[in-house]
Amino acid sequence: MTITKEFENEIIDIRRVSKVTKGGRNLKFRVTIVVGDREGRVGVGVGSTTEIPGAIQQAIRDAEKSMIKIGLNGATISHAVIGKFKAGRVLLKPAYPGTGIIAAVTVGAVCRLAGIQDLLTKCLGTTNPLTLARAVIDGLLQLRSRREVEELRGVPAVASTEVQDEN
C-alpha cells in the first residue's frame, strides 16, 4: 500500500486569455501554480479552461506530473547557478543561515515550496511569472552536491582540512 503525500500549492498567476476565431473571441483563464512538499520536491504547472476552479485543478495535476527533486545543502543551495528559460534568466545564490529568501514573488514561491529557507536571487530579462518559474526550475536542476562533482571529475572525496594542510 502506497501512502500519497499531500503537496502544498501556491497560485502564481491567473490571466484571462483569448483566441479569436471566425465566430468571435473564445475567452479562457490560464492559471500558473507551484506545487511542493518543502522537502526538496517542487513542480510548476499550467492549466487553461473556461472557468478558474477547473483551471486550478488542471494546473495542480500538471505541476504534480512535472515534479523535480533537488538536493539541499542545509536550508540553502550548494552553489550559485543561473537558470534560463526563453527570455527569462534567474540568478540563484546561497545565503547564510537566517538571511531568508530575498526574491521576487514568483521566484520566492518556487523556492519556499522546494524547502529552501536562505537564498539570494536576481531576475534578469523578462518578468513574466510563468517564464520566471520555469527558469527557477532550470536553475534548480543544475545544482550538484560536492560528492556528485567529485564523482563526475573522478577525484576522490577529500576533506577540506586535508587540502589546506598540503599547502
N, C-alpha and C. Protein backbone atom coordinates (compact mmCIF):
# COMPACT_ATOMS: atom_id res chain seq x y z
N MET A 1 0.84 -1.18 0.00
CA MET A 1 0.00 0.00 0.00
C MET A 1 0.89 1.25 0.00
N THR A 2 0.66 2.14 -0.94
CA THR A 2 1.45 3.36 -1.01
C THR A 2 0.70 4.50 -0.34
N ILE A 3 1.45 5.31 0.34
CA ILE A 3 0.87 6.48 1.01
C ILE A 3 1.19 7.70 0.18
N THR A 4 0.16 8.38 -0.31
CA THR A 4 0.39 9.58 -1.11
C THR A 4 0.49 10.77 -0.18
N LYS A 5 1.52 11.55 -0.37
CA LYS A 5 1.74 12.73 0.46
C LYS A 5 1.07 13.93 -0.20
N GLU A 6 0.33 14.67 0.57
CA GLU A 6 -0.34 15.84 0.04
C GLU A 6 0.68 16.97 -0.11
N PHE A 7 0.66 17.62 -1.25
CA PHE A 7 1.58 18.71 -1.53
C PHE A 7 0.89 20.05 -1.26
N GLU A 8 1.70 21.03 -0.90
CA GLU A 8 1.19 22.39 -0.77
C GLU A 8 1.24 23.03 -2.14
N ASN A 9 0.31 23.97 -2.41
CA ASN A 9 0.36 24.67 -3.68
C ASN A 9 0.16 26.15 -3.47
N GLU A 10 0.65 26.91 -4.43
CA GLU A 10 0.54 28.36 -4.37
C GLU A 10 0.28 28.88 -5.79
N ILE A 11 -0.75 29.68 -5.93
CA ILE A 11 -1.08 30.24 -7.25
C ILE A 11 -0.15 31.41 -7.52
N ILE A 12 0.53 31.34 -8.65
CA ILE A 12 1.46 32.41 -9.04
C ILE A 12 0.75 33.45 -9.89
N ASP A 13 -0.09 32.97 -10.82
CA ASP A 13 -0.62 33.88 -11.82
C ASP A 13 -1.97 33.38 -12.32
N ILE A 14 -2.92 34.30 -12.50
CA ILE A 14 -4.19 33.99 -13.16
C ILE A 14 -4.36 35.04 -14.25
N ARG A 15 -4.52 34.58 -15.49
CA ARG A 15 -4.69 35.50 -16.61
C ARG A 15 -5.89 35.11 -17.46
N ARG A 16 -6.54 36.10 -17.99
CA ARG A 16 -7.61 35.85 -18.95
C ARG A 16 -7.00 35.91 -20.34
N VAL A 17 -7.11 34.83 -21.07
CA VAL A 17 -6.53 34.77 -22.41
C VAL A 17 -7.66 34.53 -23.41
N SER A 18 -7.44 34.94 -24.65
CA SER A 18 -8.49 34.78 -25.66
C SER A 18 -7.90 34.33 -26.97
N LYS A 19 -8.74 33.60 -27.72
CA LYS A 19 -8.38 33.16 -29.06
C LYS A 19 -9.46 33.70 -29.99
N VAL A 20 -9.05 34.40 -31.02
CA VAL A 20 -10.01 34.98 -31.95
C VAL A 20 -10.29 33.97 -33.05
N THR A 21 -11.56 33.64 -33.22
CA THR A 21 -11.97 32.71 -34.28
C THR A 21 -12.97 33.41 -35.19
N LYS A 22 -13.47 32.68 -36.20
CA LYS A 22 -14.43 33.25 -37.12
C LYS A 22 -15.72 33.64 -36.38
N GLY A 23 -16.07 32.89 -35.35
CA GLY A 23 -17.29 33.17 -34.60
C GLY A 23 -17.13 34.21 -33.51
N GLY A 24 -15.94 34.71 -33.28
CA GLY A 24 -15.70 35.71 -32.23
C GLY A 24 -14.55 35.29 -31.33
N ARG A 25 -14.49 35.92 -30.15
CA ARG A 25 -13.40 35.62 -29.21
C ARG A 25 -13.80 34.48 -28.29
N ASN A 26 -12.87 33.54 -28.07
CA ASN A 26 -13.04 32.48 -27.09
C ASN A 26 -12.21 32.84 -25.88
N LEU A 27 -12.87 33.11 -24.75
CA LEU A 27 -12.17 33.51 -23.54
C LEU A 27 -11.93 32.31 -22.64
N LYS A 28 -10.72 32.23 -22.08
CA LYS A 28 -10.34 31.20 -21.12
C LYS A 28 -9.52 31.85 -20.03
N PHE A 29 -9.31 31.10 -18.95
CA PHE A 29 -8.45 31.55 -17.85
C PHE A 29 -7.25 30.63 -17.77
N ARG A 30 -6.05 31.22 -17.74
CA ARG A 30 -4.81 30.45 -17.59
C ARG A 30 -4.28 30.65 -16.18
N VAL A 31 -4.08 29.54 -15.47
CA VAL A 31 -3.61 29.59 -14.09
C VAL A 31 -2.24 28.92 -14.02
N THR A 32 -1.30 29.58 -13.36
CA THR A 32 0.04 29.02 -13.14
C THR A 32 0.18 28.74 -11.64
N ILE A 33 0.56 27.50 -11.31
CA ILE A 33 0.63 27.07 -9.91
C ILE A 33 1.97 26.40 -9.64
N VAL A 34 2.47 26.60 -8.42
CA VAL A 34 3.66 25.88 -7.94
C VAL A 34 3.20 24.90 -6.88
N VAL A 35 3.70 23.66 -6.96
CA VAL A 35 3.36 22.62 -6.00
C VAL A 35 4.66 22.09 -5.41
N GLY A 36 4.70 21.90 -4.07
CA GLY A 36 5.90 21.38 -3.44
C GLY A 36 5.62 20.80 -2.08
N ASP A 37 6.61 20.08 -1.53
CA ASP A 37 6.45 19.46 -0.21
C ASP A 37 7.37 20.08 0.84
N ARG A 38 8.11 21.12 0.49
CA ARG A 38 9.05 21.80 1.38
C ARG A 38 10.19 20.89 1.85
N GLU A 39 10.41 19.79 1.12
CA GLU A 39 11.49 18.87 1.47
C GLU A 39 12.36 18.55 0.26
N GLY A 40 12.33 19.41 -0.76
CA GLY A 40 13.19 19.19 -1.91
C GLY A 40 12.46 18.79 -3.17
N ARG A 41 11.13 18.66 -3.13
CA ARG A 41 10.36 18.34 -4.33
C ARG A 41 9.49 19.52 -4.70
N VAL A 42 9.53 19.91 -5.98
CA VAL A 42 8.77 21.07 -6.44
C VAL A 42 8.43 20.90 -7.92
N GLY A 43 7.30 21.49 -8.34
CA GLY A 43 6.89 21.44 -9.73
C GLY A 43 6.07 22.66 -10.08
N VAL A 44 6.08 23.02 -11.36
CA VAL A 44 5.30 24.15 -11.87
C VAL A 44 4.32 23.62 -12.90
N GLY A 45 3.07 24.06 -12.82
CA GLY A 45 2.06 23.59 -13.75
C GLY A 45 1.19 24.72 -14.27
N VAL A 46 0.58 24.50 -15.44
CA VAL A 46 -0.28 25.48 -16.08
C VAL A 46 -1.58 24.79 -16.46
N GLY A 47 -2.70 25.46 -16.21
CA GLY A 47 -4.00 24.95 -16.60
C GLY A 47 -4.79 26.04 -17.27
N SER A 48 -5.57 25.68 -18.29
CA SER A 48 -6.33 26.67 -19.02
C SER A 48 -7.70 26.11 -19.37
N THR A 49 -8.77 26.68 -18.76
CA THR A 49 -10.14 26.30 -19.08
C THR A 49 -11.02 27.55 -19.02
N THR A 50 -12.30 27.35 -19.27
CA THR A 50 -13.21 28.49 -19.30
C THR A 50 -13.56 28.99 -17.90
N GLU A 51 -13.33 28.17 -16.87
CA GLU A 51 -13.62 28.59 -15.50
C GLU A 51 -12.37 28.43 -14.64
N ILE A 52 -12.20 29.32 -13.67
CA ILE A 52 -10.99 29.34 -12.85
C ILE A 52 -10.81 28.08 -12.00
N PRO A 53 -11.83 27.57 -11.30
CA PRO A 53 -11.61 26.35 -10.49
C PRO A 53 -11.13 25.15 -11.32
N GLY A 54 -11.67 25.00 -12.50
CA GLY A 54 -11.23 23.91 -13.39
C GLY A 54 -9.79 24.10 -13.82
N ALA A 55 -9.41 25.35 -14.09
CA ALA A 55 -8.03 25.64 -14.49
C ALA A 55 -7.07 25.38 -13.35
N ILE A 56 -7.49 25.67 -12.11
CA ILE A 56 -6.64 25.42 -10.95
C ILE A 56 -6.38 23.93 -10.79
N GLN A 57 -7.43 23.12 -10.88
CA GLN A 57 -7.26 21.66 -10.76
C GLN A 57 -6.37 21.11 -11.86
N GLN A 58 -6.56 21.61 -13.08
CA GLN A 58 -5.73 21.18 -14.20
C GLN A 58 -4.27 21.56 -13.98
N ALA A 59 -4.02 22.75 -13.46
CA ALA A 59 -2.66 23.21 -13.20
C ALA A 59 -2.00 22.39 -12.10
N ILE A 60 -2.75 22.02 -11.07
CA ILE A 60 -2.19 21.20 -9.99
C ILE A 60 -1.78 19.84 -10.52
N ARG A 61 -2.63 19.22 -11.34
CA ARG A 61 -2.28 17.92 -11.94
C ARG A 61 -1.03 18.04 -12.81
N ASP A 62 -0.94 19.12 -13.58
CA ASP A 62 0.23 19.34 -14.45
C ASP A 62 1.49 19.53 -13.62
N ALA A 63 1.38 20.27 -12.51
CA ALA A 63 2.55 20.52 -11.66
C ALA A 63 3.02 19.24 -10.99
N GLU A 64 2.09 18.39 -10.55
CA GLU A 64 2.48 17.13 -9.90
C GLU A 64 3.15 16.18 -10.88
N LYS A 65 2.78 16.26 -12.15
CA LYS A 65 3.43 15.42 -13.18
C LYS A 65 4.86 15.87 -13.44
N SER A 66 5.12 17.18 -13.30
CA SER A 66 6.44 17.72 -13.64
C SER A 66 7.30 17.98 -12.41
N MET A 67 7.08 17.24 -11.32
CA MET A 67 7.84 17.44 -10.09
C MET A 67 9.31 17.06 -10.29
N ILE A 68 10.20 17.84 -9.67
CA ILE A 68 11.62 17.52 -9.67
C ILE A 68 12.10 17.39 -8.23
N LYS A 69 13.19 16.69 -8.05
CA LYS A 69 13.79 16.51 -6.72
C LYS A 69 15.12 17.25 -6.72
N ILE A 70 15.33 18.11 -5.72
CA ILE A 70 16.59 18.83 -5.63
C ILE A 70 17.28 18.47 -4.32
N GLY A 71 18.60 18.53 -4.33
CA GLY A 71 19.38 18.30 -3.12
C GLY A 71 19.68 19.61 -2.44
N LEU A 72 19.32 19.71 -1.18
CA LEU A 72 19.57 20.94 -0.43
C LEU A 72 20.83 20.80 0.40
N ASN A 73 21.50 21.90 0.63
CA ASN A 73 22.67 21.95 1.50
C ASN A 73 22.24 22.65 2.77
N GLY A 74 21.62 21.90 3.68
CA GLY A 74 21.03 22.52 4.86
C GLY A 74 19.75 23.23 4.46
N ALA A 75 19.69 24.53 4.68
CA ALA A 75 18.50 25.30 4.33
C ALA A 75 18.72 26.14 3.08
N THR A 76 19.83 25.94 2.38
CA THR A 76 20.12 26.73 1.19
C THR A 76 20.59 25.80 0.07
N ILE A 77 21.03 26.38 -1.03
CA ILE A 77 21.54 25.59 -2.15
C ILE A 77 23.05 25.47 -2.04
N SER A 78 23.64 24.55 -2.80
CA SER A 78 25.06 24.27 -2.64
C SER A 78 25.97 25.28 -3.35
N HIS A 79 25.52 25.86 -4.45
CA HIS A 79 26.36 26.82 -5.18
C HIS A 79 25.48 27.73 -6.03
N ALA A 80 26.07 28.78 -6.56
CA ALA A 80 25.32 29.74 -7.38
C ALA A 80 25.07 29.17 -8.77
N VAL A 81 23.88 29.43 -9.31
CA VAL A 81 23.53 28.99 -10.66
C VAL A 81 22.71 30.07 -11.34
N ILE A 82 22.66 30.00 -12.67
CA ILE A 82 21.78 30.87 -13.45
C ILE A 82 20.85 29.97 -14.23
N GLY A 83 19.55 30.06 -13.91
CA GLY A 83 18.54 29.29 -14.62
C GLY A 83 18.03 30.09 -15.80
N LYS A 84 17.82 29.41 -16.93
CA LYS A 84 17.36 30.10 -18.14
C LYS A 84 16.15 29.40 -18.71
N PHE A 85 15.19 30.19 -19.15
CA PHE A 85 14.04 29.68 -19.90
C PHE A 85 13.55 30.80 -20.79
N LYS A 86 13.62 30.59 -22.10
CA LYS A 86 13.25 31.60 -23.09
C LYS A 86 13.97 32.91 -22.80
N ALA A 87 13.22 34.02 -22.55
CA ALA A 87 13.86 35.32 -22.32
C ALA A 87 14.15 35.57 -20.85
N GLY A 88 13.80 34.63 -19.98
CA GLY A 88 14.00 34.85 -18.55
C GLY A 88 15.26 34.18 -18.04
N ARG A 89 15.97 34.89 -17.19
CA ARG A 89 17.14 34.32 -16.51
C ARG A 89 17.02 34.67 -15.03
N VAL A 90 17.38 33.72 -14.17
CA VAL A 90 17.30 33.94 -12.73
C VAL A 90 18.62 33.50 -12.11
N LEU A 91 19.24 34.40 -11.37
CA LEU A 91 20.46 34.10 -10.64
C LEU A 91 20.07 33.64 -9.25
N LEU A 92 20.53 32.45 -8.85
CA LEU A 92 20.25 31.90 -7.51
C LEU A 92 21.58 31.75 -6.79
N LYS A 93 21.71 32.38 -5.61
CA LYS A 93 22.95 32.30 -4.84
C LYS A 93 22.65 31.82 -3.43
N PRO A 94 23.52 30.96 -2.89
CA PRO A 94 23.30 30.53 -1.50
C PRO A 94 23.49 31.70 -0.53
N ALA A 95 22.84 31.60 0.62
CA ALA A 95 22.93 32.66 1.62
C ALA A 95 23.20 32.05 3.00
N TYR A 96 23.70 32.88 3.91
CA TYR A 96 23.98 32.43 5.27
C TYR A 96 22.68 32.13 6.01
N PRO A 97 22.73 31.24 7.00
CA PRO A 97 21.52 30.94 7.77
C PRO A 97 20.93 32.19 8.41
N GLY A 98 19.60 32.30 8.33
CA GLY A 98 18.91 33.45 8.90
C GLY A 98 18.66 34.57 7.92
N THR A 99 19.21 34.47 6.72
CA THR A 99 19.04 35.52 5.72
C THR A 99 17.60 35.56 5.20
N GLY A 100 17.00 34.40 4.99
CA GLY A 100 15.67 34.32 4.41
C GLY A 100 15.76 34.25 2.90
N ILE A 101 14.61 34.31 2.25
CA ILE A 101 14.57 34.27 0.79
C ILE A 101 14.40 35.70 0.29
N ILE A 102 15.44 36.21 -0.35
CA ILE A 102 15.40 37.55 -0.94
C ILE A 102 15.09 37.33 -2.42
N ALA A 103 13.81 37.49 -2.80
CA ALA A 103 13.42 37.14 -4.16
C ALA A 103 12.11 37.83 -4.54
N ALA A 104 11.83 37.82 -5.84
CA ALA A 104 10.55 38.30 -6.34
C ALA A 104 9.46 37.31 -5.92
N VAL A 105 8.21 37.68 -6.08
CA VAL A 105 7.08 36.85 -5.63
C VAL A 105 7.13 35.46 -6.26
N THR A 106 7.30 35.40 -7.57
CA THR A 106 7.29 34.12 -8.27
C THR A 106 8.46 33.24 -7.86
N VAL A 107 9.66 33.79 -7.87
CA VAL A 107 10.86 33.03 -7.52
C VAL A 107 10.79 32.60 -6.05
N GLY A 108 10.31 33.48 -5.19
CA GLY A 108 10.18 33.15 -3.77
C GLY A 108 9.21 32.01 -3.53
N ALA A 109 8.10 31.97 -4.27
CA ALA A 109 7.12 30.90 -4.11
C ALA A 109 7.72 29.55 -4.48
N VAL A 110 8.44 29.49 -5.60
CA VAL A 110 9.05 28.24 -6.03
C VAL A 110 10.08 27.77 -5.01
N CYS A 111 10.91 28.68 -4.52
CA CYS A 111 11.96 28.31 -3.57
C CYS A 111 11.39 27.90 -2.22
N ARG A 112 10.37 28.60 -1.74
CA ARG A 112 9.74 28.23 -0.45
C ARG A 112 9.16 26.83 -0.51
N LEU A 113 8.42 26.52 -1.58
CA LEU A 113 7.78 25.22 -1.68
C LEU A 113 8.79 24.11 -1.97
N ALA A 114 9.99 24.47 -2.42
CA ALA A 114 11.05 23.48 -2.60
C ALA A 114 11.73 23.16 -1.27
N GLY A 115 11.56 24.02 -0.27
CA GLY A 115 12.16 23.79 1.03
C GLY A 115 13.40 24.63 1.30
N ILE A 116 13.69 25.56 0.41
CA ILE A 116 14.85 26.45 0.59
C ILE A 116 14.44 27.57 1.55
N GLN A 117 15.30 27.87 2.53
CA GLN A 117 14.97 28.90 3.52
C GLN A 117 15.87 30.13 3.42
N ASP A 118 17.09 29.97 2.91
CA ASP A 118 18.03 31.08 2.80
C ASP A 118 18.55 31.14 1.37
N LEU A 119 18.27 32.25 0.68
CA LEU A 119 18.63 32.35 -0.74
C LEU A 119 18.63 33.80 -1.19
N LEU A 120 19.58 34.14 -2.05
CA LEU A 120 19.62 35.45 -2.70
C LEU A 120 19.34 35.23 -4.17
N THR A 121 18.48 36.07 -4.78
CA THR A 121 18.15 35.90 -6.19
C THR A 121 18.13 37.23 -6.91
N LYS A 122 18.24 37.15 -8.23
CA LYS A 122 18.10 38.32 -9.08
C LYS A 122 17.45 37.87 -10.38
N CYS A 123 16.36 38.51 -10.76
CA CYS A 123 15.67 38.18 -12.02
C CYS A 123 16.25 39.06 -13.12
N LEU A 124 16.63 38.43 -14.20
CA LEU A 124 17.21 39.13 -15.35
C LEU A 124 16.35 38.84 -16.57
N GLY A 125 16.10 39.85 -17.38
CA GLY A 125 15.28 39.63 -18.58
C GLY A 125 13.82 39.88 -18.29
N THR A 126 12.97 38.93 -18.63
CA THR A 126 11.53 39.10 -18.53
C THR A 126 11.03 39.04 -17.09
N THR A 127 9.82 39.56 -16.88
CA THR A 127 9.19 39.46 -15.57
C THR A 127 7.92 38.63 -15.64
N ASN A 128 7.71 37.91 -16.72
CA ASN A 128 6.55 37.04 -16.88
C ASN A 128 6.61 35.93 -15.83
N PRO A 129 5.58 35.76 -15.00
CA PRO A 129 5.63 34.78 -13.91
C PRO A 129 5.88 33.34 -14.37
N LEU A 130 5.24 32.93 -15.47
CA LEU A 130 5.43 31.56 -15.95
C LEU A 130 6.86 31.34 -16.41
N THR A 131 7.43 32.28 -17.14
CA THR A 131 8.79 32.17 -17.63
C THR A 131 9.79 32.16 -16.47
N LEU A 132 9.57 33.02 -15.47
CA LEU A 132 10.46 33.05 -14.31
C LEU A 132 10.40 31.74 -13.52
N ALA A 133 9.20 31.20 -13.35
CA ALA A 133 9.07 29.94 -12.61
C ALA A 133 9.81 28.81 -13.32
N ARG A 134 9.70 28.75 -14.63
CA ARG A 134 10.39 27.70 -15.39
C ARG A 134 11.90 27.92 -15.37
N ALA A 135 12.35 29.19 -15.34
CA ALA A 135 13.78 29.48 -15.25
C ALA A 135 14.33 29.04 -13.89
N VAL A 136 13.55 29.23 -12.81
CA VAL A 136 13.99 28.79 -11.48
C VAL A 136 14.12 27.26 -11.47
N ILE A 137 13.15 26.56 -12.06
CA ILE A 137 13.21 25.10 -12.12
C ILE A 137 14.46 24.66 -12.88
N ASP A 138 14.80 25.36 -13.98
CA ASP A 138 16.02 25.04 -14.72
C ASP A 138 17.26 25.25 -13.86
N GLY A 139 17.28 26.34 -13.09
CA GLY A 139 18.41 26.59 -12.21
C GLY A 139 18.54 25.53 -11.12
N LEU A 140 17.42 25.11 -10.55
CA LEU A 140 17.45 24.08 -9.51
C LEU A 140 17.91 22.74 -10.06
N LEU A 141 17.60 22.46 -11.32
CA LEU A 141 18.05 21.21 -11.95
C LEU A 141 19.56 21.19 -12.17
N GLN A 142 20.19 22.36 -12.23
CA GLN A 142 21.64 22.45 -12.44
C GLN A 142 22.44 22.21 -11.17
N LEU A 143 21.79 22.20 -10.02
CA LEU A 143 22.51 22.07 -8.74
C LEU A 143 23.15 20.69 -8.62
N ARG A 144 24.38 20.67 -8.13
CA ARG A 144 25.12 19.44 -7.89
C ARG A 144 25.73 19.51 -6.49
N SER A 145 25.73 18.39 -5.79
CA SER A 145 26.37 18.35 -4.48
C SER A 145 27.87 18.18 -4.67
N ARG A 146 28.62 18.37 -3.60
CA ARG A 146 30.08 18.22 -3.67
C ARG A 146 30.46 16.80 -4.08
N ARG A 147 29.76 15.82 -3.52
CA ARG A 147 30.05 14.42 -3.84
C ARG A 147 29.80 14.12 -5.32
N GLU A 148 28.71 14.65 -5.89
CA GLU A 148 28.41 14.43 -7.31
C GLU A 148 29.49 15.02 -8.21
N VAL A 149 29.97 16.21 -7.87
CA VAL A 149 31.02 16.85 -8.68
C VAL A 149 32.31 16.04 -8.60
N GLU A 150 32.66 15.55 -7.42
CA GLU A 150 33.89 14.75 -7.28
C GLU A 150 33.78 13.45 -8.07
N GLU A 151 32.61 12.82 -8.08
CA GLU A 151 32.42 11.60 -8.86
C GLU A 151 32.51 11.87 -10.35
N LEU A 152 31.93 12.99 -10.81
CA LEU A 152 31.99 13.33 -12.23
C LEU A 152 33.42 13.60 -12.69
N ARG A 153 34.20 14.23 -11.84
CA ARG A 153 35.59 14.56 -12.19
C ARG A 153 36.53 13.39 -11.97
N GLY A 154 36.09 12.37 -11.25
CA GLY A 154 36.96 11.24 -10.96
C GLY A 154 37.96 11.52 -9.86
N VAL A 155 37.67 12.51 -9.03
CA VAL A 155 38.56 12.89 -7.94
C VAL A 155 38.06 12.21 -6.67
N PRO A 156 38.94 11.62 -5.89
CA PRO A 156 38.48 11.00 -4.63
C PRO A 156 37.99 12.06 -3.66
N ALA A 157 37.03 11.67 -2.82
CA ALA A 157 36.48 12.59 -1.83
C ALA A 157 37.55 12.91 -0.79
N VAL A 158 37.87 14.20 -0.65
CA VAL A 158 38.89 14.65 0.29
C VAL A 158 38.25 15.68 1.20
N ALA A 159 38.52 15.57 2.49
CA ALA A 159 38.00 16.57 3.42
C ALA A 159 38.70 17.90 3.17
N SER A 160 38.01 19.00 3.40
CA SER A 160 38.58 20.32 3.11
C SER A 160 39.79 20.63 4.00
N THR A 161 39.88 20.04 5.19
CA THR A 161 41.02 20.32 6.06
C THR A 161 42.29 19.66 5.52
N GLU A 162 42.16 18.49 4.88
CA GLU A 162 43.32 17.82 4.30
C GLU A 162 43.93 18.61 3.17
N VAL A 163 43.07 19.27 2.37
CA VAL A 163 43.58 20.05 1.24
C VAL A 163 44.36 21.25 1.76
N GLN A 164 43.90 21.89 2.83
CA GLN A 164 44.59 23.05 3.38
C GLN A 164 45.93 22.65 4.00
N ASP A 165 46.01 21.46 4.61
CA ASP A 165 47.25 21.03 5.23
C ASP A 165 48.36 20.79 4.21
N GLU A 166 48.00 20.37 3.00
CA GLU A 166 49.01 20.09 1.97
C GLU A 166 49.68 21.37 1.49
N ASN A 167 48.96 22.49 1.52
CA ASN A 167 49.53 23.75 1.03
C ASN A 167 50.40 24.31 2.05
